[in-house]
Structure formats: structure tokens, C-alpha cells
Amino acid sequence: MPCYVYRSSRKQDTYLYLPAKDDFSSLPEALMRVFGAPVFALEFELTPERRLAREDAVQVMENLRSRGFHLQMPAENETPA
């Protein structure tokens, strides 16, 4: 599955994964307001076996299929204070 990654212009270490390049149609309007202008970062072929630095490839694939996007947030947002 092709995967296109965009970094947020407003939130450091925040990334959007999309199944189609420059297709932001599946993203909620509220998310786009917070995310800001997407800045293209990279593209790659996503497979279940692919190792990603901070995400589980199978979960990313599932989110791309079911939601049309996957949002990667900074680590400090994932752990309660």
C-alpha cells in the first residue's frame, strides 16, 4: 500500500499518513485547523512487515483503510502526566 506522510506546520513532531498523495478529503475540518498546512515529508510502500520508527505498521494500515488517514502525535501526548 502506498503511504504519503506530511508534517504539521503548527505542531512539532505531528504527522499525517495518507493513502493517496495530497488527498486531504477524508480529514475532519477541525483536525486540519489544528494541524495547519500539511508539508509533504516522504512516501513509501507500507506493508505489515515494515518497521516504522514510532508507529505500528498494521495499525497505520488499518487506520488508512477505515478512516482514510493516520495521525502520529508527539510521544508526550501519548502518556498521561
C-alpha atoms as a PDB file:
ATOM      1  CA  MET A   1       0.000   0.000   0.000  1.00  0.00           C
ATOM      2  CA  PRO A   2       1.439   3.400  -0.895  1.00  0.00           C
ATOM      3  CA  CYS A   3       1.776   5.780   2.042  1.00  0.00           C
ATOM      4  CA  TYR A   4       2.344   9.533   1.998  1.00  0.00           C
ATOM      5  CA  VAL A   5       3.493  11.354   5.112  1.00  0.00           C
ATOM      6  CA  TYR A   6       3.004  15.046   5.881  1.00  0.00           C
ATOM      7  CA  ARG A   7       4.337  17.019   8.827  1.00  0.00           C
ATOM      8  CA  SER A   8       2.309  19.652  10.587  1.00  0.00           C
ATOM      9  CA  SER A   9       3.187  23.299  10.019  1.00  0.00           C
ATOM     10  CA  ARG A  10       1.826  24.102  13.505  1.00  0.00           C
ATOM     11  CA  LYS A  11       2.536  21.135  15.769  1.00  0.00           C
ATOM     12  CA  GLN A  12       6.085  19.858  16.168  1.00  0.00           C
ATOM     13  CA  ASP A  13       6.550  16.073  15.730  1.00  0.00           C
ATOM     14  CA  THR A  14       2.988  15.648  14.426  1.00  0.00           C
ATOM     15  CA  TYR A  15       2.495  13.733  11.176  1.00  0.00           C
ATOM     16  CA  LEU A  16      -0.372  12.656   8.921  1.00  0.00           C
ATOM     17  CA  TYR A  17      -0.190   9.416   6.946  1.00  0.00           C
ATOM     18  CA  LEU A  18      -2.396   9.254   3.851  1.00  0.00           C
ATOM     19  CA  PRO A  19      -3.076   6.511   1.288  1.00  0.00           C
ATOM     20  CA  ALA A  20      -3.153   8.989  -1.636  1.00  0.00           C
ATOM     21  CA  LYS A  21      -0.818  11.910  -2.252  1.00  0.00           C
ATOM     22  CA  ASP A  22      -2.326  15.324  -1.487  1.00  0.00           C
ATOM     23  CA  ASP A  23      -5.811  13.875  -0.852  1.00  0.00           C
ATOM     24  CA  PHE A  24      -6.979  15.564   2.340  1.00  0.00           C
ATOM     25  CA  SER A  25     -10.691  14.966   1.654  1.00  0.00           C
ATOM     26  CA  SER A  26     -11.103  12.366   4.440  1.00  0.00           C
ATOM     27  CA  LEU A  27      -9.691  14.644   7.159  1.00  0.00           C
ATOM     28  CA  PRO A  28     -12.071  16.335   9.593  1.00  0.00           C
ATOM     29  CA  GLU A  29     -12.112  20.128   9.258  1.00  0.00           C
ATOM     30  CA  ALA A  30     -11.247  20.556  12.962  1.00  0.00           C
ATOM     31  CA  LEU A  31      -8.126  18.409  12.535  1.00  0.00           C
ATOM     32  CA  MET A  32      -6.970  20.471   9.574  1.00  0.00           C
ATOM     33  CA  ARG A  33      -7.388  23.700  11.556  1.00  0.00           C
ATOM     34  CA  VAL A  34      -5.170  22.374  14.360  1.00  0.00           C
ATOM     35  CA  PHE A  35      -2.710  20.584  12.051  1.00  0.00           C
ATOM     36  CA  GLY A  36      -2.180  23.611   9.818  1.00  0.00           C
ATOM     37  CA  ALA A  37      -0.861  23.451   6.277  1.00  0.00           C
ATOM     38  CA  PRO A  38       0.459  19.933   5.584  1.00  0.00           C
ATOM     39  CA  VAL A  39       4.093  19.841   4.462  1.00  0.00           C
ATOM     40  CA  PHE A  40       4.992  16.792   2.357  1.00  0.00           C
ATOM     41  CA  ALA A  41       7.716  14.754   4.100  1.00  0.00           C
ATOM     42  CA  LEU A  42       8.055  11.368   2.384  1.00  0.00           C
ATOM     43  CA  GLU A  43       6.398   8.490   0.595  1.00  0.00           C
ATOM     44  CA  PHE A  44       6.987   4.760   0.924  1.00  0.00           C
ATOM     45  CA  GLU A  45       5.372   1.376   0.411  1.00  0.00           C
ATOM     46  CA  LEU A  46       3.627   0.353   3.636  1.00  0.00           C
ATOM     47  CA  THR A  47       3.438  -3.369   4.384  1.00  0.00           C
ATOM     48  CA  PRO A  48       2.545  -5.218   7.606  1.00  0.00           C
ATOM     49  CA  GLU A  49       6.202  -6.210   7.954  1.00  0.00           C
ATOM     50  CA  ARG A  50       7.561  -2.684   7.563  1.00  0.00           C
ATOM     51  CA  ARG A  51       9.240  -1.267  10.644  1.00  0.00           C
ATOM     52  CA  LEU A  52       8.255   2.296  11.459  1.00  0.00           C
ATOM     53  CA  ALA A  53      10.109   4.442  13.988  1.00  0.00           C
ATOM     54  CA  ARG A  54       7.169   5.224  16.296  1.00  0.00           C
ATOM     55  CA  GLU A  55       4.095   3.537  14.863  1.00  0.00           C
ATOM     56  CA  ASP A  56       2.832   0.004  14.315  1.00  0.00           C
ATOM     57  CA  ALA A  57       2.568  -0.632  10.566  1.00  0.00           C
ATOM     58  CA  VAL A  58      -0.524  -2.840  10.915  1.00  0.00           C
ATOM     59  CA  GLN A  59      -2.334  -0.158  12.944  1.00  0.00           C
ATOM     60  CA  VAL A  60      -1.384   2.540  10.433  1.00  0.00           C
ATOM     61  CA  MET A  61      -2.696   0.368   7.591  1.00  0.00           C
ATOM     62  CA  GLU A  62      -5.960  -0.254   9.448  1.00  0.00           C
ATOM     63  CA  ASN A  63      -6.444   3.474  10.082  1.00  0.00           C
ATOM     64  CA  LEU A  64      -5.704   4.295   6.446  1.00  0.00           C
ATOM     65  CA  ARG A  65      -8.334   1.773   5.325  1.00  0.00           C
ATOM     66  CA  SER A  66     -11.019   2.627   7.897  1.00  0.00           C
ATOM     67  CA  ARG A  67     -10.535   6.392   8.413  1.00  0.00           C
ATOM     68  CA  GLY A  68      -8.597   7.413   5.336  1.00  0.00           C
ATOM     69  CA  PHE A  69      -5.721   8.778   7.453  1.00  0.00           C
ATOM     70  CA  HIS A  70      -3.463   8.074  10.427  1.00  0.00           C
ATOM     71  CA  LEU A  71      -2.326  10.796  12.840  1.00  0.00           C
ATOM     72  CA  GLN A  72       1.016  10.477  14.656  1.00  0.00           C
ATOM     73  CA  MET A  73       1.300  12.710  17.722  1.00  0.00           C
ATOM     74  CA  PRO A  74       4.397  13.521  19.802  1.00  0.00           C
ATOM     75  CA  ALA A  75       5.285  10.968  22.479  1.00  0.00           C
ATOM     76  CA  GLU A  76       4.436  13.356  25.343  1.00  0.00           C
ATOM     77  CA  ASN A  77       0.808  13.412  24.130  1.00  0.00           C
ATOM     78  CA  GLU A  78       0.537   9.631  24.428  1.00  0.00           C
ATOM     79  CA  THR A  79       1.472   9.336  28.107  1.00  0.00           C
ATOM     80  CA  PRO A  80      -0.666  10.911  30.827  1.00  0.00           C
ATOM     81  CA  ALA A  81       1.198  13.295  33.134  1.00  0.00           C
END
